[in-house]
Each structure stands twice: as structure tokens, then as C-alpha cells.
């Protein structure tokens, strides 16, 4: 995987992030979202578009689904997470998003990769 240059710490919004992921969403058919088990709200959001993948993990919940028009709209309209107690400049509420177009958004959208 090659890193996609993205200076996330410079941005107070997630609009640049969304412009990058949009290209990959439009040419994807499947997604996988990973959240920590205690991120109940993020998990419930992802479950609106997919189902839990039966994967043994002590710390993560994995949601898989189809990249539909509704899913694309959902991702492209996500507000930037509000952070009160951590040092991340999170772009999205999901720890990881993997697309079958060989794209991944990791560490809450602060690291972007492509094949």
C-alpha cells in the first residue's frame, strides 16, 4: 500500500478528506468498517449500511456491506467528529474504512492508503 499525502493536522474541517475518499467510493462495490467495541454510536451508524462480520476480536467490531449511493452520501456528509479528550484531529468517527477499490482510511481518517 502507498500512502496518500494528506496533512490532516492542517484542517479544521473534513472537506479535503471527503474530496479524496469520494474518488475511491465511486469506484468501489464493498466496504469494511472497523470500530472499537466501545464506540457504540459509530457502530450503530455503520450498521445502517452493513452487517457485523463474524470475526473474533477482543477490541474491534467489523461491519461489512455494499457501497450504495446511500452509503456514499452518508460518508460524504459526515460531520467532522468533535473531540474533547484526545489529540487526534479525526476526520471520521470510524477507526478504519477499507474499500475494495484498494483504498483504506485508517486511524480515524488521519492516514490514507491506496494500492
PDB file of N, CA and C in Angstrom:
ATOM      1  N   UNK A   1       0.838  -1.181   0.000  1.00  0.00           N
ATOM      2  CA  UNK A   1       0.000   0.000   0.000  1.00  0.00           C
ATOM      3  C   UNK A   1       0.885   1.247   0.000  1.00  0.00           C
ATOM      4  N   UNK A   2       0.460   2.225  -0.753  1.00  0.00           N
ATOM      5  CA  UNK A   2       1.167   3.500  -0.803  1.00  0.00           C
ATOM      6  C   UNK A   2       0.370   4.537  -0.026  1.00  0.00           C
ATOM      7  N   UNK A   3       1.081   5.342   0.706  1.00  0.00           N
ATOM      8  CA  UNK A   3       0.449   6.411   1.457  1.00  0.00           C
ATOM      9  C   UNK A   3      -0.031   7.507   0.510  1.00  0.00           C
ATOM     10  N   UNK A   4      -1.202   8.039   0.794  1.00  0.00           N
ATOM     11  CA  UNK A   4      -1.719   9.189   0.053  1.00  0.00           C
ATOM     12  C   UNK A   4      -1.361  10.427   0.870  1.00  0.00           C
ATOM     13  N   UNK A   5      -0.624  11.373   0.306  1.00  0.00           N
ATOM     14  CA  UNK A   5      -0.255  12.570   1.067  1.00  0.00           C
ATOM     15  C   UNK A   5      -1.499  13.317   1.559  1.00  0.00           C
ATOM     16  N   UNK A   6      -1.553  13.544   2.856  1.00  0.00           N
ATOM     17  CA  UNK A   6      -2.711  14.206   3.458  1.00  0.00           C
ATOM     18  C   UNK A   6      -2.287  14.798   4.792  1.00  0.00           C
ATOM     19  N   UNK A   7      -2.122  16.090   4.840  1.00  0.00           N
ATOM     20  CA  UNK A   7      -1.691  16.787   6.052  1.00  0.00           C
ATOM     21  C   UNK A   7      -2.906  17.107   6.918  1.00  0.00           C
ATOM     22  N   UNK A   8      -3.486  16.062   7.495  1.00  0.00           N
ATOM     23  CA  UNK A   8      -4.756  16.177   8.213  1.00  0.00           C
ATOM     24  C   UNK A   8      -4.723  17.195   9.350  1.00  0.00           C
ATOM     25  N   UNK A   9      -3.591  17.375   9.979  1.00  0.00           N
ATOM     26  CA  UNK A   9      -3.495  18.271  11.131  1.00  0.00           C
ATOM     27  C   UNK A   9      -3.695  19.734  10.747  1.00  0.00           C
ATOM     28  N   UNK A  10      -3.638  20.034   9.451  1.00  0.00           N
ATOM     29  CA  UNK A  10      -3.799  21.416   8.994  1.00  0.00           C
ATOM     30  C   UNK A  10      -5.260  21.831   8.848  1.00  0.00           C
ATOM     31  N   UNK A  11      -6.181  20.872   8.912  1.00  0.00           N
ATOM     32  CA  UNK A  11      -7.565  21.160   8.537  1.00  0.00           C
ATOM     33  C   UNK A  11      -8.509  21.189   9.733  1.00  0.00           C
ATOM     34  N   UNK A  12      -9.331  22.220   9.775  1.00  0.00           N
ATOM     35  CA  UNK A  12     -10.343  22.315  10.822  1.00  0.00           C
ATOM     36  C   UNK A  12     -11.657  21.675  10.384  1.00  0.00           C
ATOM     37  N   UNK A  13     -11.760  21.307   9.104  1.00  0.00           N
ATOM     38  CA  UNK A  13     -12.930  20.583   8.598  1.00  0.00           C
ATOM     39  C   UNK A  13     -12.447  19.289   7.944  1.00  0.00           C
ATOM     40  N   UNK A  14     -13.389  18.462   7.521  1.00  0.00           N
ATOM     41  CA  UNK A  14     -13.008  17.221   6.845  1.00  0.00           C
ATOM     42  C   UNK A  14     -13.321  17.271   5.350  1.00  0.00           C
ATOM     43  N   UNK A  15     -13.421  18.449   4.783  1.00  0.00           N
ATOM     44  CA  UNK A  15     -13.771  18.592   3.365  1.00  0.00           C
ATOM     45  C   UNK A  15     -12.680  18.052   2.434  1.00  0.00           C
ATOM     46  N   UNK A  16     -11.421  18.271   2.745  1.00  0.00           N
ATOM     47  CA  UNK A  16     -10.337  17.735   1.907  1.00  0.00           C
ATOM     48  C   UNK A  16     -10.351  16.209   1.985  1.00  0.00           C
ATOM     49  N   UNK A  17     -10.528  15.672   3.179  1.00  0.00           N
ATOM     50  CA  UNK A  17     -10.650  14.222   3.348  1.00  0.00           C
ATOM     51  C   UNK A  17     -11.763  13.678   2.450  1.00  0.00           C
ATOM     52  N   UNK A  18     -12.924  14.323   2.485  1.00  0.00           N
ATOM     53  CA  UNK A  18     -14.068  13.852   1.696  1.00  0.00           C
ATOM     54  C   UNK A  18     -13.795  13.934   0.198  1.00  0.00           C
ATOM     55  N   UNK A  19     -13.064  14.940  -0.235  1.00  0.00           N
ATOM     56  CA  UNK A  19     -12.750  15.040  -1.666  1.00  0.00           C
ATOM     57  C   UNK A  19     -11.820  13.905  -2.103  1.00  0.00           C
ATOM     58  N   UNK A  20     -10.976  13.433  -1.207  1.00  0.00           N
ATOM     59  CA  UNK A  20     -10.081  12.318  -1.525  1.00  0.00           C
ATOM     60  C   UNK A  20     -10.856  11.001  -1.541  1.00  0.00           C
ATOM     61  N   UNK A  21     -11.625  10.731  -0.500  1.00  0.00           N
ATOM     62  CA  UNK A  21     -12.317   9.439  -0.408  1.00  0.00           C
ATOM     63  C   UNK A  21     -13.420   9.312  -1.460  1.00  0.00           C
ATOM     64  N   UNK A  22     -13.976  10.426  -1.904  1.00  0.00           N
ATOM     65  CA  UNK A  22     -15.067  10.381  -2.891  1.00  0.00           C
ATOM     66  C   UNK A  22     -14.653   9.611  -4.142  1.00  0.00           C
ATOM     67  N   UNK A  23     -13.475   9.878  -4.641  1.00  0.00           N
ATOM     68  CA  UNK A  23     -12.982   9.196  -5.844  1.00  0.00           C
ATOM     69  C   UNK A  23     -13.009   7.678  -5.653  1.00  0.00           C
ATOM     70  N   UNK A  24     -12.549   7.209  -4.513  1.00  0.00           N
ATOM     71  CA  UNK A  24     -12.467   5.774  -4.254  1.00  0.00           C
ATOM     72  C   UNK A  24     -13.840   5.172  -3.965  1.00  0.00           C
ATOM     73  N   UNK A  25     -14.708   5.920  -3.317  1.00  0.00           N
ATOM     74  CA  UNK A  25     -16.071   5.437  -3.081  1.00  0.00           C
ATOM     75  C   UNK A  25     -16.795   5.176  -4.397  1.00  0.00           C
ATOM     76  N   UNK A  26     -16.623   6.081  -5.348  1.00  0.00           N
ATOM     77  CA  UNK A  26     -17.347   5.975  -6.617  1.00  0.00           C
ATOM     78  C   UNK A  26     -16.923   4.774  -7.452  1.00  0.00           C
ATOM     79  N   UNK A  27     -15.754   4.219  -7.198  1.00  0.00           N
ATOM     80  CA  UNK A  27     -15.321   3.039  -7.962  1.00  0.00           C
ATOM     81  C   UNK A  27     -15.224   1.798  -7.072  1.00  0.00           C
ATOM     82  N   UNK A  28     -15.935   1.806  -5.946  1.00  0.00           N
ATOM     83  CA  UNK A  28     -15.940   0.667  -5.027  1.00  0.00           C
ATOM     84  C   UNK A  28     -17.301  -0.019  -5.023  1.00  0.00           C
ATOM     85  N   UNK A  29     -17.270  -1.298  -4.680  1.00  0.00           N
ATOM     86  CA  UNK A  29     -18.512  -2.066  -4.561  1.00  0.00           C
ATOM     87  C   UNK A  29     -18.760  -2.540  -3.132  1.00  0.00           C
ATOM     88  N   UNK A  30     -17.697  -2.727  -2.356  1.00  0.00           N
ATOM     89  CA  UNK A  30     -17.814  -3.265  -0.993  1.00  0.00           C
ATOM     90  C   UNK A  30     -16.997  -2.420  -0.021  1.00  0.00           C
ATOM     91  N   UNK A  31     -17.465  -2.380   1.233  1.00  0.00           N
ATOM     92  CA  UNK A  31     -16.716  -1.684   2.283  1.00  0.00           C
ATOM     93  C   UNK A  31     -16.576  -2.583   3.502  1.00  0.00           C
ATOM     94  N   UNK A  32     -15.589  -2.242   4.306  1.00  0.00           N
ATOM     95  CA  UNK A  32     -15.408  -2.831   5.629  1.00  0.00           C
ATOM     96  C   UNK A  32     -15.052  -1.680   6.555  1.00  0.00           C
ATOM     97  N   UNK A  33     -15.807  -1.540   7.634  1.00  0.00           N
ATOM     98  CA  UNK A  33     -15.547  -0.505   8.637  1.00  0.00           C
ATOM     99  C   UNK A  33     -15.178  -1.201   9.935  1.00  0.00           C
ATOM    100  N   UNK A  34     -14.143  -0.693  10.590  1.00  0.00           N
ATOM    101  CA  UNK A  34     -13.708  -1.233  11.874  1.00  0.00           C
ATOM    102  C   UNK A  34     -13.833  -0.145  12.940  1.00  0.00           C
ATOM    103  N   UNK A  35     -14.463  -0.519  14.036  1.00  0.00           N
ATOM    104  CA  UNK A  35     -14.634   0.384  15.178  1.00  0.00           C
ATOM    105  C   UNK A  35     -14.205  -0.360  16.439  1.00  0.00           C
ATOM    106  N   UNK A  36     -13.771   0.378  17.437  1.00  0.00           N
ATOM    107  CA  UNK A  36     -13.532  -0.242  18.730  1.00  0.00           C
ATOM    108  C   UNK A  36     -14.883  -0.582  19.348  1.00  0.00           C
ATOM    109  N   UNK A  37     -14.928  -1.660  20.093  1.00  0.00           N
ATOM    110  CA  UNK A  37     -16.194  -2.164  20.631  1.00  0.00           C
ATOM    111  C   UNK A  37     -16.939  -1.135  21.478  1.00  0.00           C
ATOM    112  N   UNK A  38     -16.226  -0.213  22.112  1.00  0.00           N
ATOM    113  CA  UNK A  38     -16.904   0.781  22.944  1.00  0.00           C
ATOM    114  C   UNK A  38     -17.405   1.991  22.151  1.00  0.00           C
ATOM    115  N   UNK A  39     -17.188   2.020  20.851  1.00  0.00           N
ATOM    116  CA  UNK A  39     -17.650   3.128  20.008  1.00  0.00           C
ATOM    117  C   UNK A  39     -19.054   2.809  19.482  1.00  0.00           C
ATOM    118  N   UNK A  40     -19.993   2.752  20.416  1.00  0.00           N
ATOM    119  CA  UNK A  40     -21.345   2.285  20.110  1.00  0.00           C
ATOM    120  C   UNK A  40     -22.051   3.135  19.060  1.00  0.00           C
ATOM    121  N   UNK A  41     -21.893   4.441  19.122  1.00  0.00           N
ATOM    122  CA  UNK A  41     -22.580   5.293  18.150  1.00  0.00           C
ATOM    123  C   UNK A  41     -22.030   5.074  16.741  1.00  0.00           C
ATOM    124  N   UNK A  42     -20.726   4.994  16.603  1.00  0.00           N
ATOM    125  CA  UNK A  42     -20.116   4.750  15.285  1.00  0.00           C
ATOM    126  C   UNK A  42     -20.550   3.388  14.747  1.00  0.00           C
ATOM    127  N   UNK A  43     -20.602   2.388  15.613  1.00  0.00           N
ATOM    128  CA  UNK A  43     -21.047   1.058  15.190  1.00  0.00           C
ATOM    129  C   UNK A  43     -22.487   1.116  14.701  1.00  0.00           C
ATOM    130  N   UNK A  44     -23.350   1.806  15.438  1.00  0.00           N
ATOM    131  CA  UNK A  44     -24.758   1.884  15.019  1.00  0.00           C
ATOM    132  C   UNK A  44     -24.903   2.617  13.694  1.00  0.00           C
ATOM    133  N   UNK A  45     -24.084   3.632  13.456  1.00  0.00           N
ATOM    134  CA  UNK A  45     -24.117   4.330  12.166  1.00  0.00           C
ATOM    135  C   UNK A  45     -23.726   3.381  11.039  1.00  0.00           C
ATOM    136  N   UNK A  46     -22.638   2.648  11.217  1.00  0.00           N
ATOM    137  CA  UNK A  46     -22.160   1.728  10.181  1.00  0.00           C
ATOM    138  C   UNK A  46     -23.163   0.607   9.926  1.00  0.00           C
ATOM    139  N   UNK A  47     -23.843   0.155  10.976  1.00  0.00           N
ATOM    140  CA  UNK A  47     -24.819  -0.927  10.818  1.00  0.00           C
ATOM    141  C   UNK A  47     -26.041  -0.502  10.009  1.00  0.00           C
ATOM    142  N   UNK A  48     -26.213   0.786   9.792  1.00  0.00           N
ATOM    143  CA  UNK A  48     -27.293   1.262   8.917  1.00  0.00           C
ATOM    144  C   UNK A  48     -27.035   0.861   7.470  1.00  0.00           C
ATOM    145  N   UNK A  49     -25.786   0.504   7.154  1.00  0.00           N
ATOM    146  CA  UNK A  49     -25.395   0.214   5.771  1.00  0.00           C
ATOM    147  C   UNK A  49     -24.786  -1.174   5.586  1.00  0.00           C
ATOM    148  N   UNK A  50     -24.623  -1.922   6.663  1.00  0.00           N
ATOM    149  CA  UNK A  50     -23.992  -3.230   6.542  1.00  0.00           C
ATOM    150  C   UNK A  50     -24.355  -4.131   7.697  1.00  0.00           C
ATOM    151  N   UNK A  51     -23.580  -5.178   7.862  1.00  0.00           N
ATOM    152  CA  UNK A  51     -23.818  -6.147   8.933  1.00  0.00           C
ATOM    153  C   UNK A  51     -22.490  -6.510   9.585  1.00  0.00           C
ATOM    154  N   UNK A  52     -22.588  -7.027  10.794  1.00  0.00           N
ATOM    155  CA  UNK A  52     -21.386  -7.412  11.523  1.00  0.00           C
ATOM    156  C   UNK A  52     -20.774  -8.648  10.880  1.00  0.00           C
ATOM    157  N   UNK A  53     -19.486  -8.562  10.647  1.00  0.00           N
ATOM    158  CA  UNK A  53     -18.722  -9.694  10.113  1.00  0.00           C
ATOM    159  C   UNK A  53     -18.305 -10.554  11.298  1.00  0.00           C
ATOM    160  N   UNK A  54     -18.559 -11.823  11.205  1.00  0.00           N
ATOM    161  CA  UNK A  54     -18.176 -12.736  12.286  1.00  0.00           C
ATOM    162  C   UNK A  54     -16.670 -12.910  12.281  1.00  0.00           C
ATOM    163  N   UNK A  55     -16.029 -12.121  13.092  1.00  0.00           N
ATOM    164  CA  UNK A  55     -14.573 -12.149  13.192  1.00  0.00           C
ATOM    165  C   UNK A  55     -14.220 -12.018  14.662  1.00  0.00           C
ATOM    166  N   UNK A  56     -13.447 -12.931  15.146  1.00  0.00           N
ATOM    167  CA  UNK A  56     -13.068 -12.914  16.554  1.00  0.00           C
ATOM    168  C   UNK A  56     -12.091 -11.776  16.822  1.00  0.00           C
ATOM    169  N   UNK A  57     -12.511 -10.832  17.635  1.00  0.00           N
ATOM    170  CA  UNK A  57     -11.638  -9.740  18.040  1.00  0.00           C
ATOM    171  C   UNK A  57     -12.071  -9.269  19.417  1.00  0.00           C
ATOM    172  N   UNK A  58     -11.118  -9.148  20.281  1.00  0.00           N
ATOM    173  CA  UNK A  58     -11.412  -8.693  21.634  1.00  0.00           C
ATOM    174  C   UNK A  58     -11.741  -7.201  21.665  1.00  0.00           C
ATOM    175  N   UNK A  59     -11.206  -6.446  20.700  1.00  0.00           N
ATOM    176  CA  UNK A  59     -11.304  -4.998  20.770  1.00  0.00           C
ATOM    177  C   UNK A  59     -12.146  -4.348  19.678  1.00  0.00           C
ATOM    178  N   UNK A  60     -12.313  -5.025  18.525  1.00  0.00           N
ATOM    179  CA  UNK A  60     -12.955  -4.386  17.375  1.00  0.00           C
ATOM    180  C   UNK A  60     -14.277  -5.044  16.992  1.00  0.00           C
ATOM    181  N   UNK A  61     -15.153  -4.218  16.413  1.00  0.00           N
ATOM    182  CA  UNK A  61     -16.342  -4.697  15.716  1.00  0.00           C
ATOM    183  C   UNK A  61     -16.121  -4.373  14.251  1.00  0.00           C
ATOM    184  N   UNK A  62     -16.363  -5.355  13.377  1.00  0.00           N
ATOM    185  CA  UNK A  62     -16.148  -5.194  11.941  1.00  0.00           C
ATOM    186  C   UNK A  62     -17.504  -5.239  11.246  1.00  0.00           C
ATOM    187  N   UNK A  63     -17.792  -4.213  10.453  1.00  0.00           N
ATOM    188  CA  UNK A  63     -19.041  -4.124   9.699  1.00  0.00           C
ATOM    189  C   UNK A  63     -18.697  -4.151   8.219  1.00  0.00           C
ATOM    190  N   UNK A  64     -19.402  -4.984   7.454  1.00  0.00           N
ATOM    191  CA  UNK A  64     -19.180  -5.086   6.013  1.00  0.00           C
ATOM    192  C   UNK A  64     -20.491  -4.817   5.284  1.00  0.00           C
ATOM    193  N   UNK A  65     -20.364  -4.304   4.050  1.00  0.00           N
ATOM    194  CA  UNK A  65     -21.564  -4.042   3.271  1.00  0.00           C
ATOM    195  C   UNK A  65     -21.248  -3.577   1.874  1.00  0.00           C
ATOM    196  N   UNK A  66     -22.307  -3.260   1.156  1.00  0.00           N
ATOM    197  CA  UNK A  66     -22.193  -2.760  -0.210  1.00  0.00           C
ATOM    198  C   UNK A  66     -22.022  -1.249  -0.209  1.00  0.00           C
ATOM    199  N   UNK A  67     -21.243  -0.757  -1.144  1.00  0.00           N
ATOM    200  CA  UNK A  67     -21.103   0.692  -1.330  1.00  0.00           C
ATOM    201  C   UNK A  67     -22.262   1.134  -2.225  1.00  0.00           C
ATOM    202  N   UNK A  68     -23.330   1.564  -1.589  1.00  0.00           N
ATOM    203  CA  UNK A  68     -24.524   2.035  -2.295  1.00  0.00           C
ATOM    204  C   UNK A  68     -24.469   3.555  -2.432  1.00  0.00           C
ATOM    205  N   UNK A  69     -25.387   4.106  -3.205  1.00  0.00           N
ATOM    206  CA  UNK A  69     -25.478   5.571  -3.307  1.00  0.00           C
ATOM    207  C   UNK A  69     -25.737   6.176  -1.938  1.00  0.00           C
ATOM    208  N   UNK A  70     -26.552   5.501  -1.143  1.00  0.00           N
ATOM    209  CA  UNK A  70     -26.864   5.992   0.203  1.00  0.00           C
ATOM    210  C   UNK A  70     -25.630   5.971   1.100  1.00  0.00           C
ATOM    211  N   UNK A  71     -24.825   4.932   0.986  1.00  0.00           N
ATOM    212  CA  UNK A  71     -23.596   4.851   1.777  1.00  0.00           C
ATOM    213  C   UNK A  71     -22.632   5.966   1.381  1.00  0.00           C
ATOM    214  N   UNK A  72     -22.488   6.186   0.074  1.00  0.00           N
ATOM    215  CA  UNK A  72     -21.604   7.258  -0.406  1.00  0.00           C
ATOM    216  C   UNK A  72     -22.072   8.600   0.137  1.00  0.00           C
ATOM    217  N   UNK A  73     -23.367   8.870   0.052  1.00  0.00           N
ATOM    218  CA  UNK A  73     -23.913  10.133   0.573  1.00  0.00           C
ATOM    219  C   UNK A  73     -23.660  10.258   2.074  1.00  0.00           C
ATOM    220  N   UNK A  74     -23.834   9.162   2.788  1.00  0.00           N
ATOM    221  CA  UNK A  74     -23.595   9.155   4.228  1.00  0.00           C
ATOM    222  C   UNK A  74     -22.154   9.557   4.541  1.00  0.00           C
ATOM    223  N   UNK A  75     -21.195   8.895   3.901  1.00  0.00           N
ATOM    224  CA  UNK A  75     -19.778   9.193   4.155  1.00  0.00           C
ATOM    225  C   UNK A  75     -19.451  10.635   3.772  1.00  0.00           C
ATOM    226  N   UNK A  76     -19.956  11.082   2.626  1.00  0.00           N
ATOM    227  CA  UNK A  76     -19.621  12.426   2.142  1.00  0.00           C
ATOM    228  C   UNK A  76     -20.323  13.534   2.914  1.00  0.00           C
ATOM    229  N   UNK A  77     -21.279  13.177   3.753  1.00  0.00           N
ATOM    230  CA  UNK A  77     -21.975  14.175   4.566  1.00  0.00           C
ATOM    231  C   UNK A  77     -21.675  14.048   6.053  1.00  0.00           C
ATOM    232  N   UNK A  78     -20.719  13.198   6.406  1.00  0.00           N
ATOM    233  CA  UNK A  78     -20.353  13.063   7.817  1.00  0.00           C
ATOM    234  C   UNK A  78     -19.749  14.365   8.334  1.00  0.00           C
ATOM    235  N   UNK A  79     -20.211  14.830   9.480  1.00  0.00           N
ATOM    236  CA  UNK A  79     -19.534  15.986  10.081  1.00  0.00           C
ATOM    237  C   UNK A  79     -18.198  15.539  10.667  1.00  0.00           C
ATOM    238  N   UNK A  80     -17.293  16.470  10.783  1.00  0.00           N
ATOM    239  CA  UNK A  80     -16.011  16.168  11.417  1.00  0.00           C
ATOM    240  C   UNK A  80     -16.279  15.911  12.901  1.00  0.00           C
ATOM    241  N   UNK A  81     -15.771  14.805  13.439  1.00  0.00           N
ATOM    242  CA  UNK A  81     -16.011  14.497  14.851  1.00  0.00           C
ATOM    243  C   UNK A  81     -15.502  15.599  15.778  1.00  0.00           C
ATOM    244  N   UNK A  82     -16.274  15.848  16.801  1.00  0.00           N
ATOM    245  CA  UNK A  82     -15.876  16.803  17.836  1.00  0.00           C
ATOM    246  C   UNK A  82     -15.074  16.027  18.867  1.00  0.00           C
ATOM    247  N   UNK A  83     -13.924  16.553  19.214  1.00  0.00           N
ATOM    248  CA  UNK A  83     -13.051  15.856  20.142  1.00  0.00           C
ATOM    249  C   UNK A  83     -12.870  16.669  21.407  1.00  0.00           C
ATOM    250  N   UNK A  84     -13.068  16.004  22.520  1.00  0.00           N
ATOM    251  CA  UNK A  84     -12.919  16.698  23.784  1.00  0.00           C
ATOM    252  C   UNK A  84     -11.687  16.255  24.558  1.00  0.00           C
ATOM    253  N   UNK A  85     -11.311  15.001  24.391  1.00  0.00           N
ATOM    254  CA  UNK A  85     -10.309  14.460  25.302  1.00  0.00           C
ATOM    255  C   UNK A  85      -9.162  13.700  24.639  1.00  0.00           C
ATOM    256  N   UNK A  86      -8.959  13.900  23.347  1.00  0.00           N
ATOM    257  CA  UNK A  86      -7.827  13.219  22.722  1.00  0.00           C
ATOM    258  C   UNK A  86      -7.091  14.172  21.793  1.00  0.00           C
ATOM    259  N   UNK A  87      -5.960  13.732  21.284  1.00  0.00           N
ATOM    260  CA  UNK A  87      -5.131  14.593  20.449  1.00  0.00           C
ATOM    261  C   UNK A  87      -5.288  14.330  18.964  1.00  0.00           C
ATOM    262  N   UNK A  88      -6.173  13.412  18.590  1.00  0.00           N
ATOM    263  CA  UNK A  88      -6.429  13.154  17.177  1.00  0.00           C
ATOM    264  C   UNK A  88      -7.133  14.348  16.555  1.00  0.00           C
ATOM    265  N   UNK A  89      -6.852  14.595  15.302  1.00  0.00           N
ATOM    266  CA  UNK A  89      -7.650  15.528  14.507  1.00  0.00           C
ATOM    267  C   UNK A  89      -8.507  14.646  13.598  1.00  0.00           C
ATOM    268  N   UNK A  90      -9.446  13.922  14.200  1.00  0.00           N
ATOM    269  CA  UNK A  90     -10.236  12.919  13.490  1.00  0.00           C
ATOM    270  C   UNK A  90     -10.996  13.531  12.322  1.00  0.00           C
ATOM    271  N   UNK A  91     -11.011  12.790  11.211  1.00  0.00           N
ATOM    272  CA  UNK A  91     -11.769  13.191  10.033  1.00  0.00           C
ATOM    273  C   UNK A  91     -13.123  12.490   9.980  1.00  0.00           C
ATOM    274  N   UNK A  92     -13.193  11.275  10.519  1.00  0.00           N
ATOM    275  CA  UNK A  92     -14.412  10.461  10.539  1.00  0.00           C
ATOM    276  C   UNK A  92     -14.511   9.732  11.883  1.00  0.00           C
ATOM    277  N   UNK A  93     -15.703   9.238  12.231  1.00  0.00           N
ATOM    278  CA  UNK A  93     -15.861   8.555  13.519  1.00  0.00           C
ATOM    279  C   UNK A  93     -15.422   7.095  13.519  1.00  0.00           C
ATOM    280  N   UNK A  94     -14.937   6.590  12.378  1.00  0.00           N
ATOM    281  CA  UNK A  94     -14.586   5.177  12.245  1.00  0.00           C
ATOM    282  C   UNK A  94     -13.073   4.997  12.296  1.00  0.00           C
ATOM    283  N   UNK A  95     -12.616   4.030  13.090  1.00  0.00           N
ATOM    284  CA  UNK A  95     -11.180   3.802  13.200  1.00  0.00           C
ATOM    285  C   UNK A  95     -10.583   3.457  11.841  1.00  0.00           C
ATOM    286  N   UNK A  96     -11.262   2.584  11.076  1.00  0.00           N
ATOM    287  CA  UNK A  96     -10.771   2.217   9.742  1.00  0.00           C
ATOM    288  C   UNK A  96     -11.929   2.052   8.774  1.00  0.00           C
ATOM    289  N   UNK A  97     -11.689   2.449   7.526  1.00  0.00           N
ATOM    290  CA  UNK A  97     -12.603   2.179   6.421  1.00  0.00           C
ATOM    291  C   UNK A  97     -11.760   1.558   5.317  1.00  0.00           C
ATOM    292  N   UNK A  98     -12.151   0.370   4.883  1.00  0.00           N
ATOM    293  CA  UNK A  98     -11.477  -0.302   3.774  1.00  0.00           C
ATOM    294  C   UNK A  98     -12.460  -0.416   2.620  1.00  0.00           C
ATOM    295  N   UNK A  99     -12.014  -0.072   1.419  1.00  0.00           N
ATOM    296  CA  UNK A  99     -12.838  -0.193   0.221  1.00  0.00           C
ATOM    297  C   UNK A  99     -12.199  -1.202  -0.716  1.00  0.00           C
ATOM    298  N   UNK A 100     -13.029  -1.920  -1.481  1.00  0.00           N
ATOM    299  CA  UNK A 100     -12.478  -2.927  -2.391  1.00  0.00           C
ATOM    300  C   UNK A 100     -11.803  -2.317  -3.617  1.00  0.00           C
ATOM    301  N   UNK A 101     -11.779  -1.003  -3.698  1.00  0.00           N
ATOM    302  CA  UNK A 101     -11.028  -0.324  -4.764  1.00  0.00           C
ATOM    303  C   UNK A 101      -9.579  -0.096  -4.338  1.00  0.00           C
ATOM    304  N   UNK A 102      -9.130  -0.887  -3.349  1.00  0.00           N
ATOM    305  CA  UNK A 102      -7.753  -0.824  -2.847  1.00  0.00           C
ATOM    306  C   UNK A 102      -7.432   0.501  -2.167  1.00  0.00           C
ATOM    307  N   UNK A 103      -8.376   0.970  -1.376  1.00  0.00           N
ATOM    308  CA  UNK A 103      -8.214   2.207  -0.614  1.00  0.00           C
ATOM    309  C   UNK A 103      -8.493   1.897   0.846  1.00  0.00           C
ATOM    310  N   UNK A 104      -7.736   2.547   1.732  1.00  0.00           N
ATOM    311  CA  UNK A 104      -8.060   2.459   3.153  1.00  0.00           C
ATOM    312  C   UNK A 104      -7.865   3.810   3.821  1.00  0.00           C
ATOM    313  N   UNK A 105      -8.765   4.071   4.753  1.00  0.00           N
ATOM    314  CA  UNK A 105      -8.737   5.250   5.601  1.00  0.00           C
ATOM    315  C   UNK A 105      -8.541   4.705   7.009  1.00  0.00           C
ATOM    316  N   UNK A 106      -7.428   5.046   7.630  1.00  0.00           N
ATOM    317  CA  UNK A 106      -7.121   4.444   8.919  1.00  0.00           C
ATOM    318  C   UNK A 106      -6.868   5.506   9.978  1.00  0.00           C
ATOM    319  N   UNK A 107      -6.918   5.065  11.227  1.00  0.00           N
ATOM    320  CA  UNK A 107      -6.742   5.962  12.374  1.00  0.00           C
ATOM    321  C   UNK A 107      -7.648   7.189  12.256  1.00  0.00           C
ATOM    322  N   UNK A 108      -8.938   6.911  12.090  1.00  0.00           N
ATOM    323  CA  UNK A 108      -9.978   7.949  12.024  1.00  0.00           C
ATOM    324  C   UNK A 108      -9.774   8.914  10.863  1.00  0.00           C
ATOM    325  N   UNK A 109      -9.253   8.405   9.761  1.00  0.00           N
ATOM    326  CA  UNK A 109      -9.076   9.223   8.561  1.00  0.00           C
ATOM    327  C   UNK A 109      -7.813  10.054   8.547  1.00  0.00           C
ATOM    328  N   UNK A 110      -6.907   9.797   9.479  1.00  0.00           N
ATOM    329  CA  UNK A 110      -5.662  10.575   9.509  1.00  0.00           C
ATOM    330  C   UNK A 110      -4.556   9.933   8.678  1.00  0.00           C
ATOM    331  N   UNK A 111      -4.767   8.692   8.246  1.00  0.00           N
ATOM    332  CA  UNK A 111      -3.821   8.005   7.366  1.00  0.00           C
ATOM    333  C   UNK A 111      -4.609   7.407   6.209  1.00  0.00           C
ATOM    334  N   UNK A 112      -4.213   7.735   4.987  1.00  0.00           N
ATOM    335  CA  UNK A 112      -4.899   7.254   3.792  1.00  0.00           C
ATOM    336  C   UNK A 112      -3.923   6.458   2.942  1.00  0.00           C
ATOM    337  N   UNK A 113      -4.399   5.323   2.400  1.00  0.00           N
ATOM    338  CA  UNK A 113      -3.546   4.440   1.609  1.00  0.00           C
ATOM    339  C   UNK A 113      -4.287   3.941   0.374  1.00  0.00           C
ATOM    340  N   UNK A 114      -3.509   3.617  -0.667  1.00  0.00           N
ATOM    341  CA  UNK A 114      -4.054   3.012  -1.884  1.00  0.00           C
ATOM    342  C   UNK A 114      -3.032   2.024  -2.420  1.00  0.00           C
ATOM    343  N   UNK A 115      -3.514   1.083  -3.221  1.00  0.00           N
ATOM    344  CA  UNK A 115      -2.615   0.139  -3.899  1.00  0.00           C
ATOM    345  C   UNK A 115      -2.193   0.702  -5.220  1.00  0.00           C
TER     346      UNK A 115
END
